[in-house]
Amino acid sequence: MTGGYVNINSRDDLNRANYLVRDASFATRKTSLVYLVDDEAGTAPGPLLAFADHPDVDELVAVLRRPVPGLESALRHPKVRAVIAPSPGPALGALARIGLESARGDVLVLAYSDDTFSPRDLTKFLVYLRDADLVIGTRTTRQ
């Protein structure tokens, strides 16, 4: 039998034990990025492909209100799967829900097509996630 032991006497000890458990299995978890395509007219395939090419992304779920001309090349990427809303014109929250329910990964990342979240920031979020249940980024701070 193998394993480790952590004596838990405080909240810090519990947090440390949770981190060790998450960290031990984190590399085996699949990451799905849910990419909400909101502005159909101005959406270019470049940002979508940049996320799809990121080494930490196992699946990219592109959530669309309707098929978008100009995104066909990006949707042919092997990691990209398009999900089209069942009814026209759903609110942004409904699009997010459709995408999150369609994702197959263990780790879910939500990104919006307004290009305020950079693929290079994804690695930082995943590092923070090893120590937390939820990581939320901001669009107001540039690093």
N, C-alpha and C. Protein backbone atom coordinates (compact mmCIF):
# COMPACT_ATOMS: atom_id res chain seq x y z
N MET A 1 0.85 -1.16 0.00
CA MET A 1 0.00 0.00 0.00
C MET A 1 0.90 1.24 0.00
N THR A 2 0.54 2.21 -0.85
CA THR A 2 1.30 3.47 -0.89
C THR A 2 0.36 4.61 -0.59
N GLY A 3 0.94 5.74 -0.28
CA GLY A 3 0.12 6.91 -0.01
C GLY A 3 0.87 7.90 0.86
N GLY A 4 0.16 8.89 1.26
CA GLY A 4 0.73 9.91 2.12
C GLY A 4 -0.22 10.20 3.26
N TYR A 5 0.30 10.86 4.26
CA TYR A 5 -0.50 11.19 5.43
C TYR A 5 -0.36 12.67 5.73
N VAL A 6 -1.46 13.32 5.99
CA VAL A 6 -1.45 14.72 6.41
C VAL A 6 -2.28 14.80 7.68
N ASN A 7 -1.68 15.27 8.74
CA ASN A 7 -2.38 15.46 10.00
C ASN A 7 -3.17 16.76 9.91
N ILE A 8 -4.49 16.69 10.04
CA ILE A 8 -5.34 17.86 9.87
C ILE A 8 -5.83 18.33 11.23
N ASN A 9 -5.28 19.47 11.65
CA ASN A 9 -5.67 20.09 12.92
C ASN A 9 -6.19 21.50 12.75
N SER A 10 -6.13 22.01 11.53
CA SER A 10 -6.55 23.40 11.31
C SER A 10 -7.07 23.54 9.88
N ARG A 11 -7.65 24.69 9.60
CA ARG A 11 -8.14 24.98 8.24
C ARG A 11 -6.97 24.98 7.26
N ASP A 12 -5.81 25.49 7.66
CA ASP A 12 -4.64 25.49 6.79
C ASP A 12 -4.20 24.06 6.45
N ASP A 13 -4.26 23.18 7.44
CA ASP A 13 -3.91 21.77 7.19
C ASP A 13 -4.88 21.15 6.19
N LEU A 14 -6.16 21.46 6.33
CA LEU A 14 -7.17 20.94 5.40
C LEU A 14 -6.94 21.48 4.00
N ASN A 15 -6.65 22.76 3.89
CA ASN A 15 -6.36 23.35 2.58
C ASN A 15 -5.14 22.70 1.94
N ARG A 16 -4.12 22.44 2.73
CA ARG A 16 -2.91 21.78 2.22
C ARG A 16 -3.24 20.37 1.74
N ALA A 17 -4.02 19.63 2.50
CA ALA A 17 -4.40 18.27 2.09
C ALA A 17 -5.21 18.30 0.79
N ASN A 18 -6.15 19.24 0.68
CA ASN A 18 -6.94 19.37 -0.55
C ASN A 18 -6.04 19.70 -1.74
N TYR A 19 -5.07 20.58 -1.53
CA TYR A 19 -4.13 20.92 -2.60
C TYR A 19 -3.35 19.68 -3.05
N LEU A 20 -2.86 18.90 -2.10
CA LEU A 20 -2.08 17.71 -2.45
C LEU A 20 -2.91 16.72 -3.26
N VAL A 21 -4.17 16.54 -2.90
CA VAL A 21 -5.05 15.63 -3.63
C VAL A 21 -5.30 16.15 -5.03
N ARG A 22 -5.63 17.44 -5.15
CA ARG A 22 -5.88 18.02 -6.48
C ARG A 22 -4.64 17.95 -7.36
N ASP A 23 -3.50 18.30 -6.77
CA ASP A 23 -2.26 18.36 -7.54
C ASP A 23 -1.85 16.97 -8.04
N ALA A 24 -2.10 15.95 -7.25
CA ALA A 24 -1.70 14.59 -7.64
C ALA A 24 -2.44 14.11 -8.88
N SER A 25 -3.67 14.55 -9.07
CA SER A 25 -4.46 14.05 -10.21
C SER A 25 -4.71 15.11 -11.28
N PHE A 26 -4.18 16.30 -11.10
CA PHE A 26 -4.51 17.39 -12.02
C PHE A 26 -4.06 17.12 -13.46
N ALA A 27 -2.93 16.51 -13.62
CA ALA A 27 -2.40 16.26 -14.97
C ALA A 27 -3.28 15.30 -15.77
N THR A 28 -4.09 14.50 -15.10
CA THR A 28 -4.94 13.54 -15.80
C THR A 28 -6.31 14.13 -16.18
N ARG A 29 -6.59 15.31 -15.70
CA ARG A 29 -7.90 15.92 -15.96
C ARG A 29 -7.92 16.60 -17.32
N LYS A 30 -9.04 16.49 -18.00
CA LYS A 30 -9.22 17.10 -19.31
C LYS A 30 -9.81 18.50 -19.15
N THR A 31 -9.31 19.43 -19.94
CA THR A 31 -9.77 20.82 -19.88
C THR A 31 -10.61 21.14 -21.11
N SER A 32 -11.82 21.61 -20.86
CA SER A 32 -12.72 22.08 -21.93
C SER A 32 -12.83 23.59 -21.82
N LEU A 33 -12.60 24.27 -22.91
CA LEU A 33 -12.79 25.71 -22.96
C LEU A 33 -14.08 25.98 -23.71
N VAL A 34 -15.01 26.65 -23.05
CA VAL A 34 -16.30 27.01 -23.65
C VAL A 34 -16.15 28.44 -24.15
N TYR A 35 -16.22 28.60 -25.47
CA TYR A 35 -15.99 29.90 -26.12
C TYR A 35 -17.33 30.42 -26.64
N LEU A 36 -17.82 31.48 -26.01
CA LEU A 36 -19.12 32.05 -26.38
C LEU A 36 -18.94 33.03 -27.53
N VAL A 37 -19.54 32.72 -28.66
CA VAL A 37 -19.49 33.59 -29.83
C VAL A 37 -20.74 34.46 -29.80
N ASP A 38 -20.56 35.72 -29.42
CA ASP A 38 -21.71 36.61 -29.24
C ASP A 38 -21.89 37.57 -30.41
N ASP A 39 -20.81 38.17 -30.86
CA ASP A 39 -20.88 39.15 -31.94
C ASP A 39 -20.58 38.46 -33.26
N GLU A 40 -21.59 37.83 -33.83
CA GLU A 40 -21.38 37.02 -35.03
C GLU A 40 -20.74 37.78 -36.18
N ALA A 41 -21.11 39.03 -36.35
CA ALA A 41 -20.62 39.79 -37.50
C ALA A 41 -19.13 40.07 -37.39
N GLY A 42 -18.63 40.29 -36.18
CA GLY A 42 -17.23 40.68 -36.02
C GLY A 42 -16.32 39.58 -35.54
N THR A 43 -16.78 38.36 -35.48
CA THR A 43 -15.97 37.28 -34.95
C THR A 43 -15.03 36.75 -36.02
N ALA A 44 -13.75 36.78 -35.69
CA ALA A 44 -12.73 36.25 -36.58
C ALA A 44 -12.26 34.90 -36.04
N PRO A 45 -11.78 34.03 -36.92
CA PRO A 45 -11.36 32.71 -36.45
C PRO A 45 -10.06 32.73 -35.64
N GLY A 46 -9.27 33.78 -35.73
CA GLY A 46 -7.96 33.85 -35.06
C GLY A 46 -7.99 33.58 -33.57
N PRO A 47 -8.79 34.33 -32.79
CA PRO A 47 -8.81 34.09 -31.35
C PRO A 47 -9.29 32.68 -30.99
N LEU A 48 -10.27 32.18 -31.70
CA LEU A 48 -10.78 30.84 -31.44
C LEU A 48 -9.68 29.80 -31.69
N LEU A 49 -8.95 29.96 -32.78
CA LEU A 49 -7.87 29.03 -33.09
C LEU A 49 -6.72 29.14 -32.10
N ALA A 50 -6.47 30.35 -31.59
CA ALA A 50 -5.40 30.53 -30.59
C ALA A 50 -5.71 29.73 -29.33
N PHE A 51 -6.96 29.74 -28.90
CA PHE A 51 -7.34 28.92 -27.74
C PHE A 51 -7.27 27.43 -28.09
N ALA A 52 -7.72 27.05 -29.26
CA ALA A 52 -7.70 25.63 -29.66
C ALA A 52 -6.27 25.09 -29.74
N ASP A 53 -5.33 25.93 -30.12
CA ASP A 53 -3.94 25.50 -30.24
C ASP A 53 -3.20 25.50 -28.90
N HIS A 54 -3.81 26.02 -27.85
CA HIS A 54 -3.16 26.06 -26.53
C HIS A 54 -2.95 24.62 -26.04
N PRO A 55 -1.76 24.30 -25.55
CA PRO A 55 -1.48 22.92 -25.15
C PRO A 55 -2.31 22.41 -23.97
N ASP A 56 -2.85 23.31 -23.14
CA ASP A 56 -3.66 22.87 -22.00
C ASP A 56 -5.12 22.63 -22.34
N VAL A 57 -5.54 22.99 -23.55
CA VAL A 57 -6.94 22.82 -23.95
C VAL A 57 -7.09 21.48 -24.65
N ASP A 58 -7.95 20.63 -24.10
CA ASP A 58 -8.23 19.34 -24.73
C ASP A 58 -9.44 19.40 -25.65
N GLU A 59 -10.34 20.33 -25.38
CA GLU A 59 -11.56 20.48 -26.17
C GLU A 59 -11.97 21.94 -26.13
N LEU A 60 -12.39 22.47 -27.27
CA LEU A 60 -12.94 23.81 -27.32
C LEU A 60 -14.37 23.71 -27.84
N VAL A 61 -15.31 24.15 -27.01
CA VAL A 61 -16.72 24.14 -27.39
C VAL A 61 -17.08 25.56 -27.81
N ALA A 62 -17.30 25.76 -29.11
CA ALA A 62 -17.70 27.07 -29.63
C ALA A 62 -19.22 27.13 -29.63
N VAL A 63 -19.78 28.02 -28.82
CA VAL A 63 -21.23 28.12 -28.68
C VAL A 63 -21.72 29.29 -29.53
N LEU A 64 -22.59 28.98 -30.49
CA LEU A 64 -23.07 29.97 -31.45
C LEU A 64 -24.59 30.09 -31.39
N ARG A 65 -25.08 31.28 -31.65
CA ARG A 65 -26.54 31.46 -31.76
C ARG A 65 -27.05 30.86 -33.07
N ARG A 66 -26.23 30.94 -34.09
CA ARG A 66 -26.55 30.39 -35.41
C ARG A 66 -25.22 30.19 -36.15
N PRO A 67 -25.20 29.42 -37.22
CA PRO A 67 -23.95 29.24 -37.97
C PRO A 67 -23.38 30.58 -38.41
N VAL A 68 -22.07 30.72 -38.29
CA VAL A 68 -21.40 31.99 -38.58
C VAL A 68 -20.48 31.82 -39.78
N PRO A 69 -20.77 32.54 -40.88
CA PRO A 69 -19.84 32.50 -42.01
C PRO A 69 -18.50 33.09 -41.59
N GLY A 70 -17.43 32.51 -42.02
CA GLY A 70 -16.11 32.99 -41.66
C GLY A 70 -15.45 32.17 -40.56
N LEU A 71 -16.23 31.39 -39.85
CA LEU A 71 -15.66 30.55 -38.79
C LEU A 71 -15.50 29.09 -39.23
N GLU A 72 -15.86 28.80 -40.47
CA GLU A 72 -15.81 27.40 -40.93
C GLU A 72 -14.43 26.80 -40.77
N SER A 73 -13.38 27.56 -41.10
CA SER A 73 -12.02 27.02 -41.00
C SER A 73 -11.67 26.70 -39.55
N ALA A 74 -12.06 27.56 -38.63
CA ALA A 74 -11.77 27.32 -37.21
C ALA A 74 -12.55 26.13 -36.69
N LEU A 75 -13.76 25.95 -37.17
CA LEU A 75 -14.60 24.85 -36.68
C LEU A 75 -14.14 23.49 -37.20
N ARG A 76 -13.23 23.48 -38.17
CA ARG A 76 -12.67 22.22 -38.67
C ARG A 76 -11.46 21.76 -37.85
N HIS A 77 -11.00 22.59 -36.93
CA HIS A 77 -9.87 22.22 -36.06
C HIS A 77 -10.26 20.97 -35.26
N PRO A 78 -9.35 20.01 -35.10
CA PRO A 78 -9.72 18.76 -34.42
C PRO A 78 -10.17 18.92 -32.96
N LYS A 79 -9.74 19.97 -32.29
CA LYS A 79 -10.15 20.18 -30.89
C LYS A 79 -11.46 20.95 -30.77
N VAL A 80 -11.93 21.54 -31.87
CA VAL A 80 -13.09 22.44 -31.81
C VAL A 80 -14.37 21.67 -32.14
N ARG A 81 -15.38 21.93 -31.32
CA ARG A 81 -16.72 21.37 -31.56
C ARG A 81 -17.71 22.52 -31.47
N ALA A 82 -18.50 22.71 -32.51
CA ALA A 82 -19.50 23.78 -32.52
C ALA A 82 -20.80 23.28 -31.91
N VAL A 83 -21.40 24.13 -31.07
CA VAL A 83 -22.71 23.86 -30.50
C VAL A 83 -23.58 25.06 -30.85
N ILE A 84 -24.66 24.81 -31.56
CA ILE A 84 -25.55 25.89 -31.99
C ILE A 84 -26.79 25.87 -31.10
N ALA A 85 -27.16 27.05 -30.61
CA ALA A 85 -28.32 27.17 -29.72
C ALA A 85 -29.56 26.62 -30.41
N PRO A 86 -30.41 25.89 -29.69
CA PRO A 86 -31.60 25.30 -30.30
C PRO A 86 -32.65 26.32 -30.74
N SER A 87 -32.66 27.48 -30.10
CA SER A 87 -33.60 28.53 -30.50
C SER A 87 -32.82 29.79 -30.81
N PRO A 88 -33.27 30.59 -31.77
CA PRO A 88 -32.52 31.79 -32.15
C PRO A 88 -32.58 32.86 -31.06
N GLY A 89 -31.47 33.55 -30.90
CA GLY A 89 -31.42 34.70 -30.02
C GLY A 89 -31.44 34.47 -28.52
N PRO A 90 -30.84 33.39 -28.00
CA PRO A 90 -30.84 33.22 -26.54
C PRO A 90 -29.94 34.27 -25.88
N ALA A 91 -30.23 34.56 -24.63
CA ALA A 91 -29.40 35.50 -23.87
C ALA A 91 -28.01 34.89 -23.65
N LEU A 92 -27.07 35.73 -23.29
CA LEU A 92 -25.69 35.28 -23.10
C LEU A 92 -25.59 34.21 -22.00
N GLY A 93 -26.35 34.36 -20.94
CA GLY A 93 -26.35 33.36 -19.87
C GLY A 93 -26.83 32.00 -20.36
N ALA A 94 -27.82 32.01 -21.23
CA ALA A 94 -28.32 30.75 -21.80
C ALA A 94 -27.26 30.12 -22.71
N LEU A 95 -26.54 30.95 -23.46
CA LEU A 95 -25.44 30.43 -24.28
C LEU A 95 -24.38 29.76 -23.41
N ALA A 96 -24.05 30.42 -22.29
CA ALA A 96 -23.05 29.86 -21.38
C ALA A 96 -23.52 28.51 -20.83
N ARG A 97 -24.76 28.44 -20.45
CA ARG A 97 -25.30 27.19 -19.90
C ARG A 97 -25.26 26.07 -20.95
N ILE A 98 -25.64 26.39 -22.18
CA ILE A 98 -25.60 25.40 -23.27
C ILE A 98 -24.17 24.88 -23.44
N GLY A 99 -23.21 25.78 -23.44
CA GLY A 99 -21.81 25.38 -23.62
C GLY A 99 -21.28 24.56 -22.47
N LEU A 100 -21.56 24.98 -21.24
CA LEU A 100 -21.07 24.24 -20.07
C LEU A 100 -21.69 22.85 -20.00
N GLU A 101 -22.96 22.73 -20.36
CA GLU A 101 -23.60 21.41 -20.36
C GLU A 101 -23.08 20.52 -21.48
N SER A 102 -22.59 21.12 -22.56
CA SER A 102 -22.07 20.35 -23.69
C SER A 102 -20.61 19.94 -23.51
N ALA A 103 -19.90 20.61 -22.63
CA ALA A 103 -18.48 20.33 -22.43
C ALA A 103 -18.29 18.94 -21.82
N ARG A 104 -17.21 18.29 -22.23
CA ARG A 104 -16.93 16.92 -21.77
C ARG A 104 -15.77 16.85 -20.78
N GLY A 105 -15.08 17.95 -20.56
CA GLY A 105 -13.90 17.94 -19.71
C GLY A 105 -14.20 17.94 -18.22
N ASP A 106 -13.14 17.71 -17.44
CA ASP A 106 -13.22 17.76 -15.99
C ASP A 106 -13.07 19.19 -15.48
N VAL A 107 -12.26 19.98 -16.18
CA VAL A 107 -12.03 21.38 -15.86
C VAL A 107 -12.71 22.21 -16.94
N LEU A 108 -13.57 23.14 -16.53
CA LEU A 108 -14.30 23.97 -17.48
C LEU A 108 -13.82 25.41 -17.39
N VAL A 109 -13.51 25.99 -18.55
CA VAL A 109 -13.08 27.39 -18.64
C VAL A 109 -14.05 28.08 -19.57
N LEU A 110 -14.51 29.26 -19.17
CA LEU A 110 -15.47 30.02 -19.95
C LEU A 110 -14.79 31.26 -20.51
N ALA A 111 -14.86 31.45 -21.82
CA ALA A 111 -14.26 32.63 -22.46
C ALA A 111 -15.28 33.25 -23.40
N TYR A 112 -15.17 34.55 -23.55
CA TYR A 112 -16.11 35.33 -24.34
C TYR A 112 -15.40 35.84 -25.59
N SER A 113 -16.12 35.96 -26.69
CA SER A 113 -15.51 36.28 -27.97
C SER A 113 -15.13 37.75 -28.15
N ASP A 114 -15.17 38.55 -27.09
CA ASP A 114 -14.78 39.95 -27.25
C ASP A 114 -13.27 40.16 -27.14
N ASP A 115 -12.50 39.08 -27.08
CA ASP A 115 -11.04 39.12 -27.11
C ASP A 115 -10.42 39.79 -25.89
N THR A 116 -11.09 39.75 -24.74
CA THR A 116 -10.52 40.33 -23.52
C THR A 116 -9.78 39.30 -22.68
N PHE A 117 -9.92 38.05 -23.00
CA PHE A 117 -9.23 36.98 -22.29
C PHE A 117 -8.23 36.36 -23.26
N SER A 118 -6.97 36.42 -22.91
CA SER A 118 -5.91 35.95 -23.79
C SER A 118 -5.59 34.48 -23.52
N PRO A 119 -5.29 33.72 -24.56
CA PRO A 119 -4.90 32.32 -24.35
C PRO A 119 -3.68 32.18 -23.43
N ARG A 120 -2.79 33.17 -23.42
CA ARG A 120 -1.61 33.06 -22.56
C ARG A 120 -1.97 33.12 -21.07
N ASP A 121 -3.16 33.64 -20.74
CA ASP A 121 -3.61 33.70 -19.35
C ASP A 121 -4.17 32.37 -18.86
N LEU A 122 -4.48 31.48 -19.76
CA LEU A 122 -5.11 30.21 -19.38
C LEU A 122 -4.23 29.39 -18.44
N THR A 123 -2.94 29.36 -18.69
CA THR A 123 -2.03 28.60 -17.84
C THR A 123 -2.06 29.11 -16.41
N LYS A 124 -2.13 30.44 -16.24
CA LYS A 124 -2.20 31.02 -14.89
C LYS A 124 -3.45 30.55 -14.15
N PHE A 125 -4.58 30.56 -14.84
CA PHE A 125 -5.83 30.12 -14.22
C PHE A 125 -5.73 28.66 -13.77
N LEU A 126 -5.15 27.83 -14.60
CA LEU A 126 -5.05 26.41 -14.27
C LEU A 126 -4.11 26.18 -13.08
N VAL A 127 -3.07 26.98 -12.96
CA VAL A 127 -2.18 26.86 -11.80
C VAL A 127 -2.94 27.23 -10.53
N TYR A 128 -3.70 28.32 -10.57
CA TYR A 128 -4.49 28.73 -9.40
C TYR A 128 -5.56 27.70 -9.06
N LEU A 129 -6.08 27.01 -10.06
CA LEU A 129 -7.15 26.04 -9.83
C LEU A 129 -6.68 24.83 -9.01
N ARG A 130 -5.40 24.57 -9.01
CA ARG A 130 -4.88 23.46 -8.20
C ARG A 130 -5.11 23.71 -6.71
N ASP A 131 -5.31 24.97 -6.34
CA ASP A 131 -5.46 25.33 -4.93
C ASP A 131 -6.85 25.88 -4.61
N ALA A 132 -7.80 25.73 -5.54
CA ALA A 132 -9.13 26.31 -5.33
C ALA A 132 -10.18 25.49 -6.09
N ASP A 133 -11.43 25.69 -5.71
CA ASP A 133 -12.53 25.05 -6.42
C ASP A 133 -12.98 25.86 -7.62
N LEU A 134 -12.76 27.17 -7.55
CA LEU A 134 -13.22 28.09 -8.60
C LEU A 134 -12.20 29.21 -8.75
N VAL A 135 -11.87 29.55 -9.99
CA VAL A 135 -10.98 30.67 -10.27
C VAL A 135 -11.72 31.62 -11.18
N ILE A 136 -11.75 32.90 -10.81
CA ILE A 136 -12.42 33.92 -11.60
C ILE A 136 -11.41 34.97 -11.99
N GLY A 137 -11.35 35.29 -13.27
CA GLY A 137 -10.45 36.32 -13.75
C GLY A 137 -11.18 37.64 -13.91
N THR A 138 -10.41 38.66 -14.18
CA THR A 138 -10.98 39.98 -14.38
C THR A 138 -10.55 40.52 -15.73
N ARG A 139 -11.38 41.33 -16.31
CA ARG A 139 -11.03 41.93 -17.59
C ARG A 139 -10.49 43.34 -17.41
N THR A 140 -10.28 43.76 -16.18
CA THR A 140 -9.85 45.14 -15.95
C THR A 140 -8.38 45.27 -15.62
N THR A 141 -7.69 44.18 -15.37
CA THR A 141 -6.29 44.23 -15.00
C THR A 141 -5.44 43.61 -16.10
N ARG A 142 -4.45 44.35 -16.55
CA ARG A 142 -3.51 43.82 -17.54
C ARG A 142 -2.22 43.46 -16.84
N GLN A 143 -1.70 42.27 -17.11
CA GLN A 143 -0.43 41.86 -16.51
C GLN A 143 0.58 41.58 -17.59
